[in-house]
C-alpha cells in the first residue's frame, strides 16, 4: 500500500505564499492561479519526490506559466523543462524565470506529441488534459479542445511513460491518472491523496497497458485505487 501523509486542510495548500509568488505574473494570469496553477506547497513537495539526485531532468507536461518549474528549480538541484501549447503562457513563464534569475529551468512552446520523453528522467502532471473533457472549465479558447484529444494525449503519454526505464518517477496532482500505465505503482499519496508519486516497477505487459482497461487510479478505496467515474 502507498504511504499516505497526514491530511491537510485545503487552506494550507492555497496559502499566502501563493499570493506572494503569483505577483510575478500579469494580473490575467494571477486570476487563474487558484484553479489552474500548482500551489507553492504542492510544487515544493512534488519537487522533492521527483529530484532524487542533482541534475535530475524533470518534464512538466502542460506547464502553464511555469509555476511548478519555477518553485521546484528554486528549491532543488534538479533541471526543469515545461511544455505548453499557449504561447502567451510560455512567454510569461520565461519572463518570470528571468526575473527570478533561475538557470535550471526552460520552457518550450510545443504540443506533448512533439516531445521526446527519452530526454527526461522524471515527469510532473497537473491534470494537463482535462480541459478537453470539461469544456466549461478551461483557461481560454486559444487551443483546440475535445474529448478525442483527451484520449489521444492521455494514451500517448501512457505509451511514452511505459517505455521509460524501471525506476522512473512520475508525480501527478489532481485528475484521474489516466496517463499512468499499469506498470507503475503508487508509492506515496499526499495532500488528501491529491498528490501522488508513481514509480515504474516492472516492464509493461502490452496486453494490459491500454486505457480501455479503466486504468484510472486517482482515488484510494477499500479495494485499491479506483476512479471517481467508476463509483458515480
Protein backbone atom coordinates (compact mmCIF):
# COMPACT_ATOMS: atom_id res chain seq x y z
CA UNK A 1 0.00 0.00 0.00
CA UNK A 2 1.23 3.52 -0.70
CA UNK A 3 2.33 5.71 2.15
CA UNK A 4 -0.24 8.39 3.00
CA UNK A 5 0.61 11.69 4.64
CA UNK A 6 -1.47 13.26 7.38
CA UNK A 7 -4.49 15.05 5.93
CA UNK A 8 -4.05 18.77 5.38
CA UNK A 9 -6.70 21.43 5.33
CA UNK A 10 -7.19 22.83 1.80
CA UNK A 11 -6.50 26.33 3.15
CA UNK A 12 -2.97 25.17 3.97
CA UNK A 13 -2.39 24.48 0.27
CA UNK A 14 -3.81 27.72 -1.12
CA UNK A 15 -1.82 29.97 1.15
CA UNK A 16 -0.39 33.44 1.49
CA UNK A 17 2.74 32.06 -0.17
CA UNK A 18 0.77 31.64 -3.39
CA UNK A 19 -0.49 35.20 -3.24
CA UNK A 20 3.09 36.43 -2.86
CA UNK A 21 4.53 34.19 -5.57
CA UNK A 22 1.80 34.96 -8.10
CA UNK A 23 2.68 38.66 -8.08
CA UNK A 24 5.42 37.78 -10.55
CA UNK A 25 2.72 37.21 -13.21
CA UNK A 26 0.45 39.64 -15.07
CA UNK A 27 -3.00 40.13 -13.50
CA UNK A 28 -4.85 37.95 -16.01
CA UNK A 29 -2.58 35.01 -15.19
CA UNK A 30 -2.77 35.59 -11.42
CA UNK A 31 -6.56 35.38 -11.62
CA UNK A 32 -6.36 31.80 -12.90
CA UNK A 33 -3.87 30.60 -10.31
CA UNK A 34 -6.20 29.10 -7.69
CA UNK A 35 -7.73 26.76 -10.28
CA UNK A 36 -5.08 26.06 -12.90
CA UNK A 37 -1.55 26.59 -11.47
CA UNK A 38 0.22 24.36 -8.96
CA UNK A 39 0.16 25.75 -5.39
CA UNK A 40 3.57 26.54 -3.89
CA UNK A 41 3.22 23.88 -1.16
CA UNK A 42 2.35 21.20 -3.73
CA UNK A 43 5.18 22.24 -6.06
CA UNK A 44 7.71 22.06 -3.22
CA UNK A 45 6.65 18.56 -2.20
CA UNK A 46 6.43 17.31 -5.79
CA UNK A 47 9.94 18.59 -6.49
CA UNK A 48 11.34 16.66 -3.53
CA UNK A 49 9.63 13.48 -4.74
CA UNK A 50 10.99 13.83 -8.28
CA UNK A 51 14.55 15.08 -7.81
CA UNK A 52 16.41 12.16 -6.28
CA UNK A 53 19.91 13.18 -7.45
CA UNK A 54 21.43 16.52 -8.54
CA UNK A 55 20.73 17.19 -12.20
CA UNK A 56 17.55 15.09 -12.42
CA UNK A 57 15.77 16.43 -15.50
CA UNK A 58 12.03 16.80 -14.92
CA UNK A 59 9.44 17.42 -17.64
CA UNK A 60 6.30 19.34 -16.64
CA UNK A 61 3.59 18.47 -19.15
CA UNK A 62 1.21 21.38 -19.68
CA UNK A 63 3.19 23.79 -17.52
CA UNK A 64 1.01 26.89 -17.96
CA UNK A 65 3.05 29.92 -16.81
CA UNK A 66 5.66 27.62 -15.28
CA UNK A 67 4.80 27.93 -11.58
CA UNK A 68 5.76 24.35 -10.67
CA UNK A 69 9.05 24.57 -12.56
CA UNK A 70 9.96 27.91 -11.01
CA UNK A 71 9.25 26.81 -7.44
CA UNK A 72 10.96 23.45 -7.97
CA UNK A 73 14.07 24.97 -9.57
CA UNK A 74 14.45 27.38 -6.67
CA UNK A 75 14.29 24.57 -4.07
CA UNK A 76 16.22 21.66 -5.62
CA UNK A 77 19.28 20.83 -7.70
CA UNK A 78 17.12 19.44 -10.49
CA UNK A 79 16.63 20.75 -14.01
CA UNK A 80 13.10 21.54 -15.15
CA UNK A 81 11.55 21.84 -18.59
CA UNK A 82 7.95 22.90 -19.05
CA UNK A 83 5.97 22.38 -22.23
CA UNK A 84 2.89 24.42 -23.00
CA UNK A 85 0.70 24.95 -26.08
CA UNK A 86 -0.25 28.54 -25.26
CA UNK A 87 2.44 30.95 -26.39
CA UNK A 88 1.43 33.73 -24.01
CA UNK A 89 1.87 31.41 -21.03
CA UNK A 90 5.28 30.29 -22.27
CA UNK A 91 6.32 33.93 -22.57
CA UNK A 92 5.08 34.64 -19.04
CA UNK A 93 6.99 31.63 -17.70
CA UNK A 94 10.22 32.68 -19.40
CA UNK A 95 9.84 36.25 -18.12
CA UNK A 96 9.28 35.00 -14.57
CA UNK A 97 12.34 32.73 -14.75
CA UNK A 98 14.45 35.67 -15.90
CA UNK A 99 13.14 37.89 -13.12
CA UNK A 100 13.97 35.20 -10.55
CA UNK A 101 17.41 34.58 -12.16
CA UNK A 102 16.77 30.84 -12.38
CA UNK A 103 19.12 29.00 -14.72
CA UNK A 104 17.94 25.41 -14.21
CA UNK A 105 14.63 25.89 -15.99
CA UNK A 106 13.40 26.28 -19.57
CA UNK A 107 10.04 26.46 -21.31
CA UNK A 108 9.02 25.09 -24.69
CA UNK A 109 6.10 26.23 -26.82
CA UNK A 110 5.08 22.76 -28.01
CA UNK A 111 2.49 20.00 -28.07
CA UNK A 112 3.08 16.90 -25.95
CA UNK A 113 3.06 14.78 -29.13
CA UNK A 114 6.25 16.58 -30.25
CA UNK A 115 8.31 15.87 -27.14
CA UNK A 116 10.99 13.16 -26.81
CA UNK A 117 10.29 11.63 -23.38
CA UNK A 118 13.64 9.84 -23.52
CA UNK A 119 15.34 13.21 -22.91
CA UNK A 120 13.90 13.37 -19.37
CA UNK A 121 14.37 11.45 -16.12
CA UNK A 122 11.10 12.21 -14.31
CA UNK A 123 7.70 13.74 -15.06
CA UNK A 124 5.13 16.03 -13.45
CA UNK A 125 1.47 16.21 -14.49
CA UNK A 126 -1.10 18.58 -13.03
CA UNK A 127 -4.15 17.27 -14.81
CA UNK A 128 -2.83 18.56 -18.16
CA UNK A 129 -5.58 17.37 -20.50
CA UNK A 130 -8.80 17.69 -18.51
CA UNK A 131 -9.81 20.89 -20.28
CA UNK A 132 -10.64 18.61 -23.20
CA UNK A 133 -13.44 16.81 -21.35
CA UNK A 134 -14.84 19.69 -19.30
CA UNK A 135 -15.48 22.40 -21.87
CA UNK A 136 -16.74 24.94 -19.36
CA UNK A 137 -13.62 24.54 -17.21
CA UNK A 138 -10.86 25.91 -19.41
CA UNK A 139 -8.15 28.55 -19.47
CA UNK A 140 -9.24 30.09 -22.78
CA UNK A 141 -10.26 29.15 -26.32
CA UNK A 142 -6.88 29.60 -27.98
CA UNK A 143 -6.11 25.88 -28.46
CA UNK A 144 -8.26 23.02 -29.82
CA UNK A 145 -10.14 21.08 -27.13
CA UNK A 146 -12.16 17.87 -27.46
CA UNK A 147 -12.77 14.53 -25.72
CA UNK A 148 -10.93 12.88 -28.62
CA UNK A 149 -7.84 14.95 -27.88
CA UNK A 150 -8.06 13.94 -24.21
CA UNK A 151 -7.94 10.28 -25.24
CA UNK A 152 -5.17 10.85 -27.78
CA UNK A 153 -2.92 12.84 -25.45
CA UNK A 154 -3.50 10.58 -22.45
CA UNK A 155 -2.83 7.45 -24.50
CA UNK A 156 0.34 8.99 -25.96
CA UNK A 157 1.70 9.92 -22.53
CA UNK A 158 0.84 6.47 -21.14
CA UNK A 159 2.69 4.82 -24.01
CA UNK A 160 5.74 7.04 -23.56
CA UNK A 161 5.84 6.52 -19.79
CA UNK A 162 5.55 2.75 -20.25
CA UNK A 163 8.71 2.90 -22.40
CA UNK A 164 10.78 4.69 -19.75
CA UNK A 165 13.24 2.67 -17.61
CA UNK A 166 12.23 0.81 -14.49
CA UNK A 167 12.55 3.21 -11.57
CA UNK A 168 11.20 6.23 -13.49
CA UNK A 169 9.28 8.55 -11.18
CA UNK A 170 6.10 10.44 -12.08
CA UNK A 171 4.15 12.81 -9.84
CA UNK A 172 0.51 13.60 -10.54
CA UNK A 173 -1.57 16.31 -8.90
CA UNK A 174 -5.36 16.03 -9.02
CA UNK A 175 -7.03 14.37 -12.01
CA UNK A 176 -7.77 10.73 -12.78
CA UNK A 177 -4.22 9.50 -13.51
CA UNK A 178 -5.36 8.20 -16.92
CA UNK A 179 -1.83 8.85 -18.18
CA UNK A 180 -0.21 6.41 -15.72
CA UNK A 181 0.29 2.91 -17.19
CA UNK A 182 -0.25 -0.22 -15.11
CA UNK A 183 3.49 -0.90 -14.88
CA UNK A 184 3.72 2.00 -12.39
CA UNK A 185 2.69 1.68 -8.76
CA UNK A 186 1.63 4.46 -6.43
CA UNK A 187 4.34 4.73 -3.79
CA UNK A 188 3.16 7.80 -1.89
CA UNK A 189 -0.06 9.81 -1.54
CA UNK A 190 -0.05 13.27 -0.01
CA UNK A 191 -2.43 16.19 0.49
CA UNK A 192 -5.52 14.01 0.94
CA UNK A 193 -4.41 11.75 -1.92
CA UNK A 194 -4.39 14.60 -4.46
CA UNK A 195 -0.60 14.44 -4.90
CA UNK A 196 0.81 11.03 -5.83
CA UNK A 197 4.21 9.59 -6.59
CA UNK A 198 4.19 6.78 -9.16
CA UNK A 199 7.27 4.61 -9.81
CA UNK A 200 7.73 2.19 -12.70
CA UNK A 201 8.35 -1.17 -11.05
CA UNK A 202 8.31 -3.59 -13.98
CA UNK A 203 8.40 -3.77 -17.74
CA UNK A 204 4.95 -3.41 -19.30
CA UNK A 205 2.72 -6.22 -20.42
CA UNK A 206 1.45 -4.67 -23.64
CA UNK A 207 -1.82 -6.59 -23.39
CA UNK A 208 -2.62 -4.81 -20.12
CA UNK A 209 -1.43 -1.27 -20.77
CA UNK A 210 -4.38 0.10 -22.73
CA UNK A 211 -6.56 2.87 -21.32
CA UNK A 212 -9.62 0.76 -22.14
CA UNK A 213 -8.71 -1.24 -19.01
CA UNK A 214 -10.20 1.55 -16.86
CA UNK A 215 -6.70 2.10 -15.55
CA UNK A 216 -7.70 5.35 -13.85
CA UNK A 217 -6.45 5.18 -10.28
CA UNK A 218 -6.84 8.59 -8.74
CA UNK A 219 -8.74 7.77 -5.54
CA UNK A 220 -7.99 5.13 -2.96
CA UNK A 221 -10.85 2.89 -1.87
CA UNK A 222 -11.22 -0.29 0.15
CA UNK A 223 -10.27 -2.41 -2.86
CA UNK A 224 -7.41 -0.24 -4.07
CA UNK A 225 -7.11 2.68 -6.46
CA UNK A 226 -10.22 3.47 -8.43
CA UNK A 227 -11.62 6.32 -10.49
CA UNK A 228 -14.49 8.51 -9.31
CA UNK A 229 -16.00 7.89 -12.74
CA UNK A 230 -16.45 4.23 -11.82
CA UNK A 231 -18.08 4.95 -8.48
CA UNK A 232 -20.53 7.56 -9.70
